[in-house]
N, C-alpha and C. Protein backbone atom coordinates (compact mmCIF):
# COMPACT_ATOMS: atom_id res chain seq x y z
N MET A 1 -7.80 41.86 44.62
CA MET A 1 -7.67 41.62 43.20
C MET A 1 -7.04 40.25 42.97
N ASN A 2 -7.46 39.62 41.90
CA ASN A 2 -6.88 38.33 41.54
C ASN A 2 -5.53 38.51 40.87
N ASP A 3 -4.61 37.64 41.24
CA ASP A 3 -3.27 37.68 40.65
C ASP A 3 -3.30 36.95 39.32
N PRO A 4 -2.93 37.60 38.20
CA PRO A 4 -2.97 36.95 36.89
C PRO A 4 -1.80 35.99 36.65
N ALA A 5 -0.84 35.96 37.56
CA ALA A 5 0.36 35.14 37.36
C ALA A 5 0.03 33.66 37.18
N PRO A 6 -0.85 33.05 37.99
CA PRO A 6 -1.16 31.62 37.78
C PRO A 6 -1.77 31.35 36.39
N VAL A 7 -2.61 32.25 35.93
CA VAL A 7 -3.23 32.08 34.62
C VAL A 7 -2.16 32.18 33.54
N VAL A 8 -1.27 33.15 33.66
CA VAL A 8 -0.21 33.33 32.68
C VAL A 8 0.71 32.09 32.66
N GLU A 9 1.05 31.60 33.85
CA GLU A 9 1.90 30.41 33.94
C GLU A 9 1.22 29.20 33.31
N ARG A 10 -0.06 29.07 33.55
CA ARG A 10 -0.79 27.94 32.98
C ARG A 10 -0.86 28.03 31.46
N VAL A 11 -1.09 29.23 30.95
CA VAL A 11 -1.13 29.42 29.50
C VAL A 11 0.24 29.11 28.90
N GLU A 12 1.29 29.54 29.55
CA GLU A 12 2.64 29.26 29.06
C GLU A 12 2.92 27.76 29.05
N ARG A 13 2.50 27.06 30.10
CA ARG A 13 2.68 25.60 30.14
C ARG A 13 1.87 24.93 29.03
N LEU A 14 0.67 25.40 28.81
CA LEU A 14 -0.16 24.84 27.74
C LEU A 14 0.48 25.07 26.37
N LEU A 15 1.06 26.24 26.16
CA LEU A 15 1.73 26.53 24.89
C LEU A 15 2.94 25.62 24.70
N LEU A 16 3.71 25.42 25.76
CA LEU A 16 4.86 24.51 25.68
C LEU A 16 4.41 23.09 25.37
N ARG A 17 3.36 22.66 26.03
CA ARG A 17 2.82 21.31 25.79
C ARG A 17 2.32 21.18 24.35
N TYR A 18 1.66 22.22 23.88
CA TYR A 18 1.17 22.22 22.49
C TYR A 18 2.33 22.06 21.52
N GLU A 19 3.39 22.81 21.70
CA GLU A 19 4.56 22.72 20.82
C GLU A 19 5.19 21.33 20.88
N GLU A 20 5.27 20.77 22.08
CA GLU A 20 5.82 19.43 22.24
C GLU A 20 4.96 18.41 21.50
N LEU A 21 3.66 18.50 21.67
CA LEU A 21 2.76 17.57 20.99
C LEU A 21 2.81 17.74 19.48
N LYS A 22 2.95 18.97 19.03
CA LYS A 22 3.04 19.24 17.59
C LYS A 22 4.30 18.59 17.02
N ARG A 23 5.44 18.73 17.72
CA ARG A 23 6.68 18.11 17.26
C ARG A 23 6.55 16.58 17.24
N THR A 24 5.94 16.03 18.29
CA THR A 24 5.74 14.59 18.35
C THR A 24 4.85 14.12 17.21
N ASN A 25 3.80 14.84 16.94
CA ASN A 25 2.89 14.50 15.85
C ASN A 25 3.61 14.55 14.50
N ASP A 26 4.42 15.57 14.30
CA ASP A 26 5.17 15.69 13.05
C ASP A 26 6.13 14.50 12.88
N LEU A 27 6.81 14.14 13.96
CA LEU A 27 7.72 13.01 13.91
C LEU A 27 6.97 11.72 13.59
N LEU A 28 5.85 11.51 14.27
CA LEU A 28 5.06 10.30 14.03
C LEU A 28 4.51 10.27 12.60
N SER A 29 4.13 11.42 12.07
CA SER A 29 3.64 11.47 10.69
C SER A 29 4.74 11.09 9.71
N ARG A 30 5.96 11.57 9.95
CA ARG A 30 7.09 11.20 9.08
C ARG A 30 7.40 9.71 9.20
N GLN A 31 7.36 9.18 10.41
CA GLN A 31 7.62 7.75 10.60
C GLN A 31 6.54 6.91 9.91
N LEU A 32 5.30 7.33 10.02
CA LEU A 32 4.21 6.60 9.37
C LEU A 32 4.39 6.61 7.86
N ALA A 33 4.77 7.74 7.30
CA ALA A 33 5.00 7.82 5.86
C ALA A 33 6.13 6.88 5.44
N ALA A 34 7.20 6.83 6.23
CA ALA A 34 8.33 5.96 5.91
C ALA A 34 7.93 4.49 5.99
N VAL A 35 7.20 4.13 7.02
CA VAL A 35 6.77 2.74 7.18
C VAL A 35 5.78 2.36 6.09
N THR A 36 4.91 3.26 5.72
CA THR A 36 3.95 2.99 4.64
C THR A 36 4.68 2.78 3.32
N ALA A 37 5.67 3.60 3.05
CA ALA A 37 6.46 3.44 1.81
C ALA A 37 7.21 2.11 1.83
N GLU A 38 7.77 1.75 2.98
CA GLU A 38 8.48 0.48 3.09
C GLU A 38 7.52 -0.69 2.88
N ARG A 39 6.33 -0.61 3.48
CA ARG A 39 5.33 -1.67 3.30
C ARG A 39 4.96 -1.82 1.84
N ASP A 40 4.71 -0.70 1.16
CA ASP A 40 4.34 -0.75 -0.25
C ASP A 40 5.46 -1.36 -1.09
N SER A 41 6.70 -1.02 -0.77
CA SER A 41 7.84 -1.58 -1.48
C SER A 41 7.93 -3.09 -1.25
N LEU A 42 7.73 -3.52 -0.01
CA LEU A 42 7.79 -4.95 0.29
C LEU A 42 6.65 -5.72 -0.38
N LYS A 43 5.47 -5.11 -0.44
CA LYS A 43 4.35 -5.76 -1.13
C LYS A 43 4.66 -5.93 -2.61
N LEU A 44 5.27 -4.91 -3.21
CA LEU A 44 5.63 -4.99 -4.61
C LEU A 44 6.67 -6.09 -4.83
N ARG A 45 7.68 -6.14 -3.96
CA ARG A 45 8.70 -7.18 -4.07
C ARG A 45 8.10 -8.57 -3.90
N LEU A 46 7.16 -8.71 -2.97
CA LEU A 46 6.49 -10.00 -2.75
C LEU A 46 5.71 -10.42 -3.98
N ASN A 47 4.95 -9.49 -4.56
CA ASN A 47 4.18 -9.82 -5.75
C ASN A 47 5.09 -10.18 -6.92
N THR A 48 6.22 -9.49 -7.05
CA THR A 48 7.18 -9.80 -8.11
C THR A 48 7.76 -11.20 -7.89
N ALA A 49 8.12 -11.51 -6.65
CA ALA A 49 8.68 -12.83 -6.34
C ALA A 49 7.65 -13.92 -6.61
N ARG A 50 6.40 -13.68 -6.24
CA ARG A 50 5.35 -14.67 -6.51
C ARG A 50 5.19 -14.92 -8.00
N ALA A 51 5.22 -13.85 -8.78
CA ALA A 51 5.08 -13.99 -10.23
C ALA A 51 6.25 -14.79 -10.79
N ARG A 52 7.45 -14.53 -10.29
CA ARG A 52 8.63 -15.27 -10.77
C ARG A 52 8.53 -16.74 -10.39
N ILE A 53 8.08 -17.03 -9.19
CA ILE A 53 7.93 -18.43 -8.76
C ILE A 53 6.86 -19.12 -9.60
N ASP A 54 5.74 -18.45 -9.83
CA ASP A 54 4.69 -19.02 -10.67
C ASP A 54 5.22 -19.33 -12.07
N ALA A 55 6.02 -18.43 -12.63
CA ALA A 55 6.59 -18.65 -13.96
C ALA A 55 7.55 -19.84 -13.95
N LEU A 56 8.34 -19.96 -12.89
CA LEU A 56 9.25 -21.11 -12.78
C LEU A 56 8.48 -22.41 -12.63
N LEU A 57 7.40 -22.41 -11.85
CA LEU A 57 6.59 -23.61 -11.68
C LEU A 57 5.96 -24.04 -13.00
N GLU A 58 5.58 -23.07 -13.80
CA GLU A 58 5.00 -23.39 -15.12
C GLU A 58 6.01 -24.10 -16.00
N ARG A 59 7.27 -23.81 -15.82
CA ARG A 59 8.33 -24.39 -16.67
C ARG A 59 8.73 -25.80 -16.22
N LEU A 60 8.36 -26.20 -15.00
CA LEU A 60 8.72 -27.52 -14.51
C LEU A 60 7.95 -28.59 -15.28
N PRO A 61 8.62 -29.70 -15.57
CA PRO A 61 7.89 -30.78 -16.25
C PRO A 61 6.89 -31.43 -15.31
N ASP A 62 5.86 -32.01 -15.88
CA ASP A 62 4.84 -32.71 -15.10
C ASP A 62 5.44 -34.03 -14.64
N THR A 63 5.54 -34.22 -13.33
CA THR A 63 6.16 -35.44 -12.79
C THR A 63 5.14 -36.35 -12.12
N SER A 64 3.85 -36.08 -12.31
CA SER A 64 2.84 -36.93 -11.68
C SER A 64 2.82 -38.29 -12.39
N PRO A 65 2.66 -39.38 -11.62
CA PRO A 65 2.64 -40.71 -12.23
C PRO A 65 1.42 -40.86 -13.15
N PRO A 66 1.56 -41.63 -14.19
CA PRO A 66 0.44 -41.82 -15.11
C PRO A 66 -0.73 -42.50 -14.39
N GLY A 67 -1.93 -42.11 -14.79
CA GLY A 67 -3.14 -42.72 -14.24
C GLY A 67 -3.62 -42.12 -12.94
N THR A 68 -2.99 -41.06 -12.46
CA THR A 68 -3.43 -40.43 -11.21
C THR A 68 -4.49 -39.38 -11.48
N GLY A 69 -4.72 -39.06 -12.71
CA GLY A 69 -5.73 -38.07 -13.05
C GLY A 69 -5.24 -36.65 -12.98
N GLU A 70 -4.01 -36.44 -12.56
CA GLU A 70 -3.45 -35.09 -12.53
C GLU A 70 -2.74 -34.80 -13.83
N SER A 71 -2.78 -33.57 -14.23
CA SER A 71 -2.07 -33.22 -15.46
C SER A 71 -1.21 -32.01 -15.26
């Protein structure tokens, strides 16, 4: 008769590995969500800063020398 012990041990190892991979996946999913939120926040801050710089540049007087064709 075949001994079922090796099969049982293998199934138990597979279940342990599955649980380990599930925990790792959950952790990585949380980290990805955090990094995605941080990226979105940084993109928003960058766009806000660009808009502020553009507004400041609009307020600067035109310092191009006369006759250069720039306005």
